[in-house]
Amino acid sequence: MTVPVRTRARRAVAAVALLGVLTSAACSGGDAPTDPRPLAGGAAALPGPAPAGLALRPTPTGAPGAPAVSGTLTDGSPVALADLWATRPVVLVFFTSWCALCAQRQDALSELARTYRDRVVFVGVATEDTAEDVQTYLRQHRVEHPVVIDGDGAIWRSYAVREPPAVVVVGKGGALLRGWPGGVDAAELDHRLRELVLAA
C-alpha cells in the first residue's frame, strides 16, 4: 500500500522534532548529577603563606639543585615548583592511579601531608593516567595537596623517575636533599623530614 505524500511529510516532521528533543536532552546531560566539589588536587589545594617563625635546618653544603620545573594542576591551574620551595620544603610524590604500591601507601602519606600542611608542601605528580582515574584515586585516598598532571612525563624524566612510586624531598630554596626510587612509607618519610628539613 502506498502512503500518501502528506502522511509521509507529517511523519518526517514528527521524526525530526523527536530527534531534536532527544538531542537537546543528551546535550544538557538530562538528569545526570554533577559533582559540585572543586577538582581534587587543584589550585584550592595550594598552600597559603608559610607560618611565621618556621624553624628549618640549614641546607647541607654542596647539595645539588632540584629541577625547577613547571606544570599544570588537575584543574588546569599553572604551578611552578620553585614558587613552592621558595618559602618551605617540598615533598614530591610521583604516582599513578593504577600503581598498587602507590595506593597501599597513599592513605598514610595523605595523613602525613595533613600533619605538615603549613610547614612542608606535598605535591603529587601523576603521569600515564586519565583525569577521571586520577580524581577517583585522589578522593579515595583523601589527597588534599596539589597534584600536577605530567601528561608527557617531562617532570618525571627531569627527576629520573622511571616507574611509580617515587618520592623526593626538596629543601627550602630548591636543594635536592633525598630521593626514594620505589617510594617510601610514611613513617620513614616522617623521620627523614625531621632529620633533613624540620628543626622543631
Protein backbone atom coordinates (compact mmCIF):
# COMPACT_ATOMS: atom_id res chain seq x y z
CA MET A 1 0.00 0.00 0.00
CA THR A 2 1.33 3.45 -0.93
CA VAL A 3 1.48 6.02 1.89
CA PRO A 4 0.18 9.44 0.78
CA VAL A 5 2.82 12.13 0.39
CA ARG A 6 1.16 14.31 3.03
CA THR A 7 1.25 11.48 5.60
CA ARG A 8 4.93 10.80 4.86
CA ALA A 9 5.68 14.50 5.31
CA ARG A 10 3.91 14.58 8.69
CA ARG A 11 5.85 11.53 9.85
CA ALA A 12 9.14 13.11 8.75
CA VAL A 13 8.35 16.32 10.65
CA ALA A 14 7.45 14.31 13.77
CA ALA A 15 10.69 12.30 13.50
CA VAL A 16 12.76 15.47 13.17
CA ALA A 17 11.01 17.01 16.19
CA LEU A 18 11.61 13.86 18.26
CA LEU A 19 15.27 13.82 17.23
CA GLY A 20 15.58 17.45 18.32
CA VAL A 21 14.12 16.67 21.76
CA LEU A 22 16.44 13.69 22.23
CA THR A 23 19.50 15.65 21.12
CA SER A 24 18.60 18.52 23.44
CA ALA A 25 18.26 16.14 26.38
CA ALA A 26 21.60 14.49 25.59
CA CYS A 27 23.44 17.79 25.29
CA SER A 28 22.04 19.10 28.54
CA GLY A 29 23.01 15.93 30.36
CA GLY A 30 19.40 15.18 31.27
CA ASP A 31 19.05 14.46 34.95
CA ALA A 32 22.65 13.26 35.39
CA PRO A 33 24.03 14.55 38.69
CA THR A 34 27.04 16.85 38.64
CA ASP A 35 29.71 16.95 41.32
CA PRO A 36 29.73 20.49 42.81
CA ARG A 37 33.08 19.95 44.56
CA PRO A 38 36.22 21.51 43.06
CA LEU A 39 38.60 19.07 41.45
CA ALA A 40 40.87 17.39 43.99
CA GLY A 41 44.49 18.43 43.59
CA GLY A 42 43.68 21.78 42.00
CA ALA A 43 44.54 25.37 42.91
CA ALA A 44 42.36 25.23 46.04
CA ALA A 45 44.90 22.76 47.47
CA LEU A 46 47.86 25.12 47.10
CA PRO A 47 49.32 26.31 50.41
CA GLY A 48 48.87 29.74 51.89
CA PRO A 49 51.76 31.80 53.27
CA ALA A 50 54.39 29.93 55.25
CA PRO A 51 53.92 30.26 59.00
CA ALA A 52 55.96 32.94 60.73
CA GLY A 53 58.97 31.58 62.56
CA LEU A 54 59.10 28.32 60.61
CA ALA A 55 62.18 26.55 62.04
CA LEU A 56 64.16 24.75 59.34
CA ARG A 57 67.53 23.05 59.28
CA PRO A 58 70.28 24.69 57.22
CA THR A 59 70.75 23.32 53.71
CA PRO A 60 73.71 20.93 53.50
CA THR A 61 76.75 22.36 51.72
CA GLY A 62 77.11 21.07 48.18
CA ALA A 63 73.53 19.80 47.80
CA PRO A 64 72.53 19.83 44.10
CA GLY A 65 69.66 21.97 42.91
CA ALA A 66 66.33 20.32 42.15
CA PRO A 67 64.92 20.73 38.62
CA ALA A 68 62.80 23.90 38.78
CA VAL A 69 60.04 22.65 36.51
CA SER A 70 56.54 23.99 36.00
CA GLY A 71 53.34 22.09 35.39
CA THR A 72 49.56 22.12 35.40
CA LEU A 73 47.38 21.10 38.32
CA THR A 74 44.33 18.85 37.97
CA ASP A 75 42.06 21.85 37.41
CA GLY A 76 44.31 23.37 34.73
CA SER A 77 45.95 25.94 37.01
CA PRO A 78 49.68 26.53 36.40
CA VAL A 79 52.21 25.89 39.15
CA ALA A 80 55.98 26.38 39.39
CA LEU A 81 57.80 24.19 41.89
CA ALA A 82 60.32 26.96 42.54
CA ASP A 83 57.48 29.17 43.81
CA LEU A 84 56.55 26.49 46.32
CA TRP A 85 60.02 25.78 47.67
CA ALA A 86 60.86 29.48 47.89
CA THR A 87 59.28 29.57 51.36
CA ARG A 88 59.40 26.00 52.72
CA PRO A 89 60.45 22.42 51.90
CA VAL A 90 58.61 20.41 49.25
CA VAL A 91 57.92 16.68 49.02
CA LEU A 92 57.25 15.39 45.51
CA VAL A 93 55.21 12.19 45.34
CA PHE A 94 55.33 10.53 41.90
CA PHE A 95 52.38 8.17 41.46
CA THR A 96 49.76 6.73 39.12
CA SER A 97 46.22 5.66 39.90
CA TRP A 98 46.95 2.11 38.68
CA CYS A 99 50.05 1.59 40.88
CA ALA A 100 49.20 -0.91 43.64
CA LEU A 101 52.11 0.13 45.89
CA CYS A 102 51.15 3.81 45.48
CA ALA A 103 47.61 3.03 46.64
CA GLN A 104 48.90 0.92 49.52
CA ARG A 105 50.97 3.81 50.91
CA GLN A 106 48.84 6.80 49.89
CA ASP A 107 46.48 6.99 52.87
CA ALA A 108 49.39 7.28 55.33
CA LEU A 109 51.18 9.78 53.07
CA SER A 110 47.98 11.84 52.84
CA GLU A 111 47.80 11.92 56.64
CA LEU A 112 51.46 12.95 56.87
CA ALA A 113 50.82 15.74 54.36
CA ARG A 114 47.96 16.99 56.55
CA THR A 115 50.20 16.85 59.64
CA TYR A 116 52.81 19.07 57.99
CA ARG A 117 50.35 21.11 55.92
CA ASP A 118 51.79 24.56 56.74
CA ARG A 119 55.44 23.59 57.14
CA VAL A 120 56.07 21.22 54.21
CA VAL A 121 54.29 21.29 50.85
CA PHE A 122 53.42 17.88 49.42
CA VAL A 123 52.91 17.83 45.65
CA GLY A 124 51.69 14.79 43.74
CA VAL A 125 52.93 14.27 40.18
CA ALA A 126 50.85 11.86 38.06
CA THR A 127 51.54 10.61 34.54
CA GLU A 128 50.30 7.87 32.18
CA ASP A 129 46.82 8.31 33.62
CA THR A 130 43.38 9.68 32.81
CA ALA A 131 41.91 12.71 34.55
CA GLU A 132 38.95 10.63 35.73
CA ASP A 133 41.09 7.89 37.23
CA VAL A 134 43.33 10.42 38.98
CA GLN A 135 40.28 12.12 40.53
CA THR A 136 38.92 8.79 41.74
CA TYR A 137 42.30 7.96 43.30
CA LEU A 138 42.67 11.37 44.97
CA ARG A 139 39.20 11.25 46.51
CA GLN A 140 39.51 7.61 47.58
CA HIS A 141 42.80 8.30 49.38
CA ARG A 142 41.85 11.74 50.73
CA VAL A 143 44.66 13.53 48.91
CA GLU A 144 44.29 17.20 49.87
CA HIS A 145 47.57 18.57 48.50
CA PRO A 146 48.15 19.90 44.97
CA VAL A 147 48.66 17.38 42.17
CA VAL A 148 50.40 18.07 38.86
CA ILE A 149 49.29 16.19 35.75
CA ASP A 150 52.53 15.38 33.92
CA GLY A 151 50.92 14.38 30.64
CA ASP A 152 54.07 13.87 28.61
CA GLY A 153 56.19 12.62 31.51
CA ALA A 154 58.65 15.54 31.27
CA ILE A 155 58.66 16.22 35.03
CA TRP A 156 59.15 12.52 35.77
CA ARG A 157 62.11 12.43 33.35
CA SER A 158 63.66 15.58 34.83
CA TYR A 159 63.72 13.80 38.22
CA ALA A 160 64.90 10.50 36.65
CA VAL A 161 61.72 8.71 37.73
CA ARG A 162 61.10 5.66 35.57
CA GLU A 163 58.21 3.99 37.35
CA PRO A 164 55.90 4.68 40.29
CA PRO A 165 56.11 5.20 43.14
CA ALA A 166 58.96 7.61 43.86
CA VAL A 167 59.38 10.33 46.48
CA VAL A 168 61.76 13.32 46.50
CA VAL A 169 62.47 15.82 49.29
CA VAL A 170 63.49 19.35 48.23
CA GLY A 171 64.69 21.82 50.84
CA LYS A 172 63.66 25.45 51.10
CA GLY A 173 65.41 27.28 48.28
CA GLY A 174 65.47 24.26 45.96
CA ALA A 175 68.22 21.96 47.27
CA LEU A 176 67.68 18.34 46.28
CA LEU A 177 68.04 16.53 49.61
CA ARG A 178 66.84 12.95 49.19
CA GLY A 179 65.04 10.68 46.76
CA TRP A 180 63.49 7.23 47.01
CA PRO A 181 63.02 5.30 43.75
CA GLY A 182 60.36 2.76 44.64
CA GLY A 183 58.82 5.18 47.15
CA VAL A 184 58.98 5.31 50.92
CA ASP A 185 56.47 4.64 53.67
CA ALA A 186 55.06 7.49 55.74
CA ALA A 187 56.88 6.57 58.96
CA GLU A 188 60.30 6.65 57.28
CA LEU A 189 59.45 9.87 55.42
CA ASP A 190 58.33 11.48 58.68
CA HIS A 191 61.67 10.53 60.27
CA ARG A 192 63.63 11.89 57.30
CA LEU A 193 61.73 15.18 57.23
CA ARG A 194 62.65 15.77 60.85
CA GLU A 195 66.23 14.82 60.12
CA LEU A 196 66.65 16.78 56.87
CA VAL A 197 64.48 19.89 56.97
CA LEU A 198 62.50 20.48 60.17
CA ALA A 199 64.37 21.96 63.10
CA ALA A 200 61.50 21.64 65.56
